[in-house]
Amino acid sequence: MTSWRREPLRVAAAIVAAVAAVGAFRGSLTVAWHALRAVRFTYRTATFQRHRRCPDCGTKLWVDARLCLSCGHRLAPPP
């Protein structure tokens, strides 16, 4: 094959490689995010920190909750 016939193949290969690299990067971020959540869950389970109280009404909430379902109070993110 001459070089003008190979050029579209090179461009297609570069596009496929770029898409694969982006997919691998996103996959690694997803794995890291899930690993971090697993570590947080294990720590909170081991130290019994899975719940907290709403400062307004005192309802028991999950530690990851952002909004109290009883009174609608917006909570600060967990530490």
PDB file of N, CA and C in Angstrom:
ATOM      1  N   MET A   1       0.842  -1.187   0.000  1.00  0.00           N
ATOM      2  CA  MET A   1       0.000   0.000   0.000  1.00  0.00           C
ATOM      3  C   MET A   1       0.879   1.241   0.000  1.00  0.00           C
ATOM      4  N   THR A   2       0.413   2.230  -0.684  1.00  0.00           N
ATOM      5  CA  THR A   2       1.159   3.474  -0.704  1.00  0.00           C
ATOM      6  C   THR A   2       0.826   4.285   0.532  1.00  0.00           C
ATOM      7  N   SER A   3       1.591   5.344   0.759  1.00  0.00           N
ATOM      8  CA  SER A   3       1.433   6.116   1.991  1.00  0.00           C
ATOM      9  C   SER A   3       0.092   6.850   2.047  1.00  0.00           C
ATOM     10  N   TRP A   4      -0.463   7.264   0.909  1.00  0.00           N
ATOM     11  CA  TRP A   4      -1.752   7.967   0.958  1.00  0.00           C
ATOM     12  C   TRP A   4      -2.886   7.026   1.342  1.00  0.00           C
ATOM     13  N   ARG A   5      -2.700   5.719   1.147  1.00  0.00           N
ATOM     14  CA  ARG A   5      -3.713   4.756   1.572  1.00  0.00           C
ATOM     15  C   ARG A   5      -3.566   4.393   3.049  1.00  0.00           C
ATOM     16  N   ARG A   6      -2.378   4.536   3.570  1.00  0.00           N
ATOM     17  CA  ARG A   6      -2.138   4.198   4.969  1.00  0.00           C
ATOM     18  C   ARG A   6      -2.523   5.329   5.920  1.00  0.00           C
ATOM     19  N   GLU A   7      -2.578   6.528   5.423  1.00  0.00           N
ATOM     20  CA  GLU A   7      -2.853   7.686   6.294  1.00  0.00           C
ATOM     21  C   GLU A   7      -4.208   7.591   7.008  1.00  0.00           C
ATOM     22  N   PRO A   8      -5.308   7.244   6.357  1.00  0.00           N
ATOM     23  CA  PRO A   8      -6.574   7.101   7.094  1.00  0.00           C
ATOM     24  C   PRO A   8      -6.505   6.017   8.167  1.00  0.00           C
ATOM     25  N   LEU A   9      -5.742   4.965   7.908  1.00  0.00           N
ATOM     26  CA  LEU A   9      -5.588   3.913   8.915  1.00  0.00           C
ATOM     27  C   LEU A   9      -4.828   4.428  10.132  1.00  0.00           C
ATOM     28  N   ARG A  10      -3.832   5.252   9.896  1.00  0.00           N
ATOM     29  CA  ARG A  10      -3.079   5.831  11.010  1.00  0.00           C
ATOM     30  C   ARG A  10      -3.955   6.765  11.835  1.00  0.00           C
ATOM     31  N   VAL A  11      -4.765   7.560  11.161  1.00  0.00           N
ATOM     32  CA  VAL A  11      -5.677   8.467  11.872  1.00  0.00           C
ATOM     33  C   VAL A  11      -6.694   7.662  12.672  1.00  0.00           C
ATOM     34  N   ALA A  12      -7.250   6.632  12.074  1.00  0.00           N
ATOM     35  CA  ALA A  12      -8.218   5.791  12.778  1.00  0.00           C
ATOM     36  C   ALA A  12      -7.568   5.099  13.974  1.00  0.00           C
ATOM     37  N   ALA A  13      -6.341   4.634  13.812  1.00  0.00           N
ATOM     38  CA  ALA A  13      -5.637   3.988  14.919  1.00  0.00           C
ATOM     39  C   ALA A  13      -5.367   4.976  16.045  1.00  0.00           C
ATOM     40  N   ALA A  14      -5.033   6.215  15.698  1.00  0.00           N
ATOM     41  CA  ALA A  14      -4.803   7.239  16.724  1.00  0.00           C
ATOM     42  C   ALA A  14      -6.094   7.561  17.468  1.00  0.00           C
ATOM     43  N   ILE A  15      -7.205   7.623  16.755  1.00  0.00           N
ATOM     44  CA  ILE A  15      -8.497   7.896  17.402  1.00  0.00           C
ATOM     45  C   ILE A  15      -8.873   6.749  18.333  1.00  0.00           C
ATOM     46  N   VAL A  16      -8.699   5.522  17.874  1.00  0.00           N
ATOM     47  CA  VAL A  16      -9.009   4.356  18.709  1.00  0.00           C
ATOM     48  C   VAL A  16      -8.120   4.342  19.945  1.00  0.00           C
ATOM     49  N   ALA A  17      -6.842   4.661  19.787  1.00  0.00           N
ATOM     50  CA  ALA A  17      -5.927   4.691  20.930  1.00  0.00           C
ATOM     51  C   ALA A  17      -6.321   5.781  21.922  1.00  0.00           C
ATOM     52  N   ALA A  18      -6.739   6.939  21.416  1.00  0.00           N
ATOM     53  CA  ALA A  18      -7.159   8.025  22.311  1.00  0.00           C
ATOM     54  C   ALA A  18      -8.423   7.646  23.073  1.00  0.00           C
ATOM     55  N   VAL A  19      -9.382   7.040  22.391  1.00  0.00           N
ATOM     56  CA  VAL A  19     -10.619   6.610  23.060  1.00  0.00           C
ATOM     57  C   VAL A  19     -10.310   5.547  24.106  1.00  0.00           C
ATOM     58  N   ALA A  20      -9.414   4.627  23.792  1.00  0.00           N
ATOM     59  CA  ALA A  20      -9.034   3.589  24.752  1.00  0.00           C
ATOM     60  C   ALA A  20      -8.331   4.195  25.959  1.00  0.00           C
ATOM     61  N   ALA A  21      -7.484   5.200  25.740  1.00  0.00           N
ATOM     62  CA  ALA A  21      -6.789   5.846  26.856  1.00  0.00           C
ATOM     63  C   ALA A  21      -7.772   6.581  27.759  1.00  0.00           C
ATOM     64  N   VAL A  22      -8.734   7.276  27.162  1.00  0.00           N
ATOM     65  CA  VAL A  22      -9.745   7.973  27.965  1.00  0.00           C
ATOM     66  C   VAL A  22     -10.587   6.966  28.739  1.00  0.00           C
ATOM     67  N   GLY A  23     -10.952   5.873  28.117  1.00  0.00           N
ATOM     68  CA  GLY A  23     -11.719   4.833  28.802  1.00  0.00           C
ATOM     69  C   GLY A  23     -10.946   4.217  29.953  1.00  0.00           C
ATOM     70  N   ALA A  24      -9.660   3.977  29.754  1.00  0.00           N
ATOM     71  CA  ALA A  24      -8.839   3.422  30.828  1.00  0.00           C
ATOM     72  C   ALA A  24      -8.707   4.411  31.977  1.00  0.00           C
ATOM     73  N   PHE A  25      -8.564   5.691  31.660  1.00  0.00           N
ATOM     74  CA  PHE A  25      -8.463   6.712  32.706  1.00  0.00           C
ATOM     75  C   PHE A  25      -9.752   6.794  33.507  1.00  0.00           C
ATOM     76  N   ARG A  26     -10.885   6.823  32.812  1.00  0.00           N
ATOM     77  CA  ARG A  26     -12.178   6.874  33.522  1.00  0.00           C
ATOM     78  C   ARG A  26     -12.406   5.615  34.341  1.00  0.00           C
ATOM     79  N   GLY A  27     -11.993   4.483  33.822  1.00  0.00           N
ATOM     80  CA  GLY A  27     -12.115   3.239  34.566  1.00  0.00           C
ATOM     81  C   GLY A  27     -11.278   3.251  35.829  1.00  0.00           C
ATOM     82  N   SER A  28     -10.064   3.787  35.738  1.00  0.00           N
ATOM     83  CA  SER A  28      -9.212   3.855  36.930  1.00  0.00           C
ATOM     84  C   SER A  28      -9.789   4.823  37.954  1.00  0.00           C
ATOM     85  N   LEU A  29     -10.395   5.921  37.502  1.00  0.00           N
ATOM     86  CA  LEU A  29     -11.038   6.842  38.444  1.00  0.00           C
ATOM     87  C   LEU A  29     -12.223   6.179  39.134  1.00  0.00           C
ATOM     88  N   THR A  30     -12.987   5.404  38.392  1.00  0.00           N
ATOM     89  CA  THR A  30     -14.130   4.705  38.978  1.00  0.00           C
ATOM     90  C   THR A  30     -13.674   3.693  40.017  1.00  0.00           C
ATOM     91  N   VAL A  31     -12.625   2.950  39.704  1.00  0.00           N
ATOM     92  CA  VAL A  31     -12.100   1.971  40.661  1.00  0.00           C
ATOM     93  C   VAL A  31     -11.591   2.676  41.909  1.00  0.00           C
ATOM     94  N   ALA A  32     -10.876   3.787  41.746  1.00  0.00           N
ATOM     95  CA  ALA A  32     -10.365   4.529  42.901  1.00  0.00           C
ATOM     96  C   ALA A  32     -11.511   5.082  43.741  1.00  0.00           C
ATOM     97  N   TRP A  33     -12.576   5.578  43.105  1.00  0.00           N
ATOM     98  CA  TRP A  33     -13.717   6.124  43.838  1.00  0.00           C
ATOM     99  C   TRP A  33     -14.398   5.038  44.657  1.00  0.00           C
ATOM    100  N   HIS A  34     -14.599   3.867  44.046  1.00  0.00           N
ATOM    101  CA  HIS A  34     -15.230   2.761  44.769  1.00  0.00           C
ATOM    102  C   HIS A  34     -14.339   2.269  45.906  1.00  0.00           C
ATOM    103  N   ALA A  35     -13.037   2.248  45.691  1.00  0.00           N
ATOM    104  CA  ALA A  35     -12.125   1.825  46.757  1.00  0.00           C
ATOM    105  C   ALA A  35     -12.176   2.800  47.924  1.00  0.00           C
ATOM    106  N   LEU A  36     -12.232   4.095  47.636  1.00  0.00           N
ATOM    107  CA  LEU A  36     -12.320   5.090  48.704  1.00  0.00           C
ATOM    108  C   LEU A  36     -13.618   4.937  49.476  1.00  0.00           C
ATOM    109  N   ARG A  37     -14.724   4.719  48.779  1.00  0.00           N
ATOM    110  CA  ARG A  37     -16.000   4.512  49.471  1.00  0.00           C
ATOM    111  C   ARG A  37     -15.972   3.244  50.316  1.00  0.00           C
ATOM    112  N   ALA A  38     -15.315   2.204  49.840  1.00  0.00           N
ATOM    113  CA  ALA A  38     -15.219   0.968  50.615  1.00  0.00           C
ATOM    114  C   ALA A  38     -14.400   1.187  51.879  1.00  0.00           C
ATOM    115  N   VAL A  39     -13.318   1.958  51.770  1.00  0.00           N
ATOM    116  CA  VAL A  39     -12.495   2.251  52.945  1.00  0.00           C
ATOM    117  C   VAL A  39     -13.289   3.074  53.943  1.00  0.00           C
ATOM    118  N   ARG A  40     -14.009   4.090  53.475  1.00  0.00           N
ATOM    119  CA  ARG A  40     -14.827   4.906  54.380  1.00  0.00           C
ATOM    120  C   ARG A  40     -15.906   4.068  55.058  1.00  0.00           C
ATOM    121  N   PHE A  41     -16.570   3.207  54.289  1.00  0.00           N
ATOM    122  CA  PHE A  41     -17.613   2.363  54.857  1.00  0.00           C
ATOM    123  C   PHE A  41     -17.035   1.423  55.910  1.00  0.00           C
ATOM    124  N   THR A  42     -15.886   0.827  55.622  1.00  0.00           N
ATOM    125  CA  THR A  42     -15.261  -0.091  56.577  1.00  0.00           C
ATOM    126  C   THR A  42     -14.873   0.634  57.847  1.00  0.00           C
ATOM    127  N   TYR A  43     -14.303   1.820  57.710  1.00  0.00           N
ATOM    128  CA  TYR A  43     -13.908   2.587  58.892  1.00  0.00           C
ATOM    129  C   TYR A  43     -15.130   2.972  59.722  1.00  0.00           C
ATOM    130  N   ARG A  44     -16.164   3.469  59.068  1.00  0.00           N
ATOM    131  CA  ARG A  44     -17.355   3.897  59.809  1.00  0.00           C
ATOM    132  C   ARG A  44     -18.081   2.714  60.433  1.00  0.00           C
ATOM    133  N   THR A  45     -18.063   1.582  59.773  1.00  0.00           N
ATOM    134  CA  THR A  45     -18.693   0.396  60.347  1.00  0.00           C
ATOM    135  C   THR A  45     -17.897  -0.099  61.548  1.00  0.00           C
ATOM    136  N   ALA A  46     -16.582  -0.091  61.429  1.00  0.00           N
ATOM    137  CA  ALA A  46     -15.741  -0.581  62.521  1.00  0.00           C
ATOM    138  C   ALA A  46     -15.797   0.339  63.736  1.00  0.00           C
ATOM    139  N   THR A  47     -16.017   1.628  63.509  1.00  0.00           N
ATOM    140  CA  THR A  47     -16.048   2.584  64.625  1.00  0.00           C
ATOM    141  C   THR A  47     -17.467   3.042  64.950  1.00  0.00           C
ATOM    142  N   PHE A  48     -18.474   2.355  64.383  1.00  0.00           N
ATOM    143  CA  PHE A  48     -19.883   2.650  64.662  1.00  0.00           C
ATOM    144  C   PHE A  48     -20.249   4.100  64.349  1.00  0.00           C
ATOM    145  N   GLN A  49     -19.770   4.638  63.241  1.00  0.00           N
ATOM    146  CA  GLN A  49     -20.073   6.011  62.830  1.00  0.00           C
ATOM    147  C   GLN A  49     -20.928   6.017  61.563  1.00  0.00           C
ATOM    148  N   ARG A  50     -21.901   5.141  61.463  1.00  0.00           N
ATOM    149  CA  ARG A  50     -22.718   5.063  60.258  1.00  0.00           C
ATOM    150  C   ARG A  50     -23.903   6.009  60.300  1.00  0.00           C
ATOM    151  N   HIS A  51     -24.216   6.588  61.458  1.00  0.00           N
ATOM    152  CA  HIS A  51     -25.362   7.483  61.591  1.00  0.00           C
ATOM    153  C   HIS A  51     -24.940   8.781  62.268  1.00  0.00           C
ATOM    154  N   ARG A  52     -25.729   9.814  62.033  1.00  0.00           N
ATOM    155  CA  ARG A  52     -25.583  11.078  62.751  1.00  0.00           C
ATOM    156  C   ARG A  52     -26.970  11.665  62.959  1.00  0.00           C
ATOM    157  N   ARG A  53     -27.061  12.684  63.769  1.00  0.00           N
ATOM    158  CA  ARG A  53     -28.350  13.294  64.107  1.00  0.00           C
ATOM    159  C   ARG A  53     -28.513  14.616  63.370  1.00  0.00           C
ATOM    160  N   CYS A  54     -29.749  14.914  63.007  1.00  0.00           N
ATOM    161  CA  CYS A  54     -30.086  16.201  62.409  1.00  0.00           C
ATOM    162  C   CYS A  54     -29.992  17.261  63.506  1.00  0.00           C
ATOM    163  N   PRO A  55     -29.329  18.399  63.243  1.00  0.00           N
ATOM    164  CA  PRO A  55     -29.211  19.425  64.275  1.00  0.00           C
ATOM    165  C   PRO A  55     -30.538  20.122  64.595  1.00  0.00           C
ATOM    166  N   ASP A  56     -31.504  20.091  63.679  1.00  0.00           N
ATOM    167  CA  ASP A  56     -32.793  20.749  63.925  1.00  0.00           C
ATOM    168  C   ASP A  56     -33.780  19.858  64.671  1.00  0.00           C
ATOM    169  N   CYS A  57     -34.032  18.665  64.137  1.00  0.00           N
ATOM    170  CA  CYS A  57     -35.093  17.832  64.717  1.00  0.00           C
ATOM    171  C   CYS A  57     -34.567  16.619  65.477  1.00  0.00           C
ATOM    172  N   GLY A  58     -33.284  16.300  65.339  1.00  0.00           N
ATOM    173  CA  GLY A  58     -32.714  15.183  66.079  1.00  0.00           C
ATOM    174  C   GLY A  58     -32.970  13.821  65.466  1.00  0.00           C
ATOM    175  N   THR A  59     -33.470  13.772  64.241  1.00  0.00           N
ATOM    176  CA  THR A  59     -33.730  12.502  63.576  1.00  0.00           C
ATOM    177  C   THR A  59     -32.409  11.817  63.246  1.00  0.00           C
ATOM    178  N   LYS A  60     -32.375  10.500  63.399  1.00  0.00           N
ATOM    179  CA  LYS A  60     -31.187   9.723  63.081  1.00  0.00           C
ATOM    180  C   LYS A  60     -31.087   9.567  61.564  1.00  0.00           C
ATOM    181  N   LEU A  61     -29.940   9.957  60.982  1.00  0.00           N
ATOM    182  CA  LEU A  61     -29.733   9.934  59.538  1.00  0.00           C
ATOM    183  C   LEU A  61     -28.472   9.148  59.207  1.00  0.00           C
ATOM    184  N   TRP A  62     -28.402   8.686  57.951  1.00  0.00           N
ATOM    185  CA  TRP A  62     -27.155   8.091  57.485  1.00  0.00           C
ATOM    186  C   TRP A  62     -26.078   9.160  57.466  1.00  0.00           C
ATOM    187  N   VAL A  63     -24.838   8.750  57.616  1.00  0.00           N
ATOM    188  CA  VAL A  63     -23.748   9.714  57.673  1.00  0.00           C
ATOM    189  C   VAL A  63     -23.555  10.419  56.323  1.00  0.00           C
ATOM    190  N   ASP A  64     -23.944   9.786  55.218  1.00  0.00           N
ATOM    191  CA  ASP A  64     -23.786  10.384  53.888  1.00  0.00           C
ATOM    192  C   ASP A  64     -24.949  11.282  53.490  1.00  0.00           C
ATOM    193  N   ALA A  65     -25.957  11.411  54.330  1.00  0.00           N
ATOM    194  CA  ALA A  65     -27.150  12.188  53.981  1.00  0.00           C
ATOM    195  C   ALA A  65     -26.817  13.668  53.834  1.00  0.00           C
ATOM    196  N   ARG A  66     -27.437  14.304  52.861  1.00  0.00           N
ATOM    197  CA  ARG A  66     -27.261  15.741  52.634  1.00  0.00           C
ATOM    198  C   ARG A  66     -28.493  16.531  53.048  1.00  0.00           C
ATOM    199  N   LEU A  67     -29.621  15.835  53.238  1.00  0.00           N
ATOM    200  CA  LEU A  67     -30.887  16.491  53.522  1.00  0.00           C
ATOM    201  C   LEU A  67     -31.671  15.636  54.512  1.00  0.00           C
ATOM    202  N   CYS A  68     -32.210  16.283  55.540  1.00  0.00           N
ATOM    203  CA  CYS A  68     -33.042  15.571  56.512  1.00  0.00           C
ATOM    204  C   CYS A  68     -34.418  15.349  55.894  1.00  0.00           C
ATOM    205  N   LEU A  69     -34.880  14.107  55.933  1.00  0.00           N
ATOM    206  CA  LEU A  69     -36.176  13.793  55.338  1.00  0.00           C
ATOM    207  C   LEU A  69     -37.334  14.258  56.212  1.00  0.00           C
ATOM    208  N   SER A  70     -37.092  14.463  57.494  1.00  0.00           N
ATOM    209  CA  SER A  70     -38.169  14.886  58.394  1.00  0.00           C
ATOM    210  C   SER A  70     -38.441  16.378  58.302  1.00  0.00           C
ATOM    211  N   CYS A  71     -37.381  17.186  58.428  1.00  0.00           N
ATOM    212  CA  CYS A  71     -37.592  18.634  58.498  1.00  0.00           C
ATOM    213  C   CYS A  71     -37.070  19.389  57.278  1.00  0.00           C
ATOM    214  N   GLY A  72     -36.293  18.735  56.397  1.00  0.00           N
ATOM    215  CA  GLY A  72     -35.784  19.397  55.204  1.00  0.00           C
ATOM    216  C   GLY A  72     -34.516  20.196  55.422  1.00  0.00           C
ATOM    217  N   HIS A  73     -33.883  20.059  56.588  1.00  0.00           N
ATOM    218  CA  HIS A  73     -32.653  20.792  56.886  1.00  0.00           C
ATOM    219  C   HIS A  73     -31.517  20.280  56.006  1.00  0.00           C
ATOM    220  N   ARG A  74     -30.787  21.213  55.382  1.00  0.00           N
ATOM    221  CA  ARG A  74     -29.635  20.831  54.570  1.00  0.00           C
ATOM    222  C   ARG A  74     -28.434  20.662  55.492  1.00  0.00           C
ATOM    223  N   LEU A  75     -27.790  19.504  55.377  1.00  0.00           N
ATOM    224  CA  LEU A  75     -26.679  19.167  56.254  1.00  0.00           C
ATOM    225  C   LEU A  75     -25.353  19.453  55.569  1.00  0.00           C
ATOM    226  N   ALA A  76     -24.353  19.741  56.373  1.00  0.00           N
ATOM    227  CA  ALA A  76     -22.999  19.913  55.851  1.00  0.00           C
ATOM    228  C   ALA A  76     -22.479  18.545  55.416  1.00  0.00           C
ATOM    229  N   PRO A  77     -21.551  18.507  54.455  1.00  0.00           N
ATOM    230  CA  PRO A  77     -20.999  17.217  54.049  1.00  0.00           C
ATOM    231  C   PRO A  77     -20.311  16.531  55.229  1.00  0.00           C
ATOM    232  N   PRO A  78     -20.282  15.201  55.222  1.00  0.00           N
ATOM    233  CA  PRO A  78     -19.654  14.493  56.335  1.00  0.00           C
ATOM    234  C   PRO A  78     -18.157  14.768  56.390  1.00  0.00           C
ATOM    235  N   PRO A  79     -17.576  14.694  57.566  1.00  0.00           N
ATOM    236  CA  PRO A  79     -16.130  14.966  57.688  1.00  0.00           C
ATOM    237  C   PRO A  79     -15.295  13.889  57.044  1.00  0.00           C
TER     238      PRO A  79
END
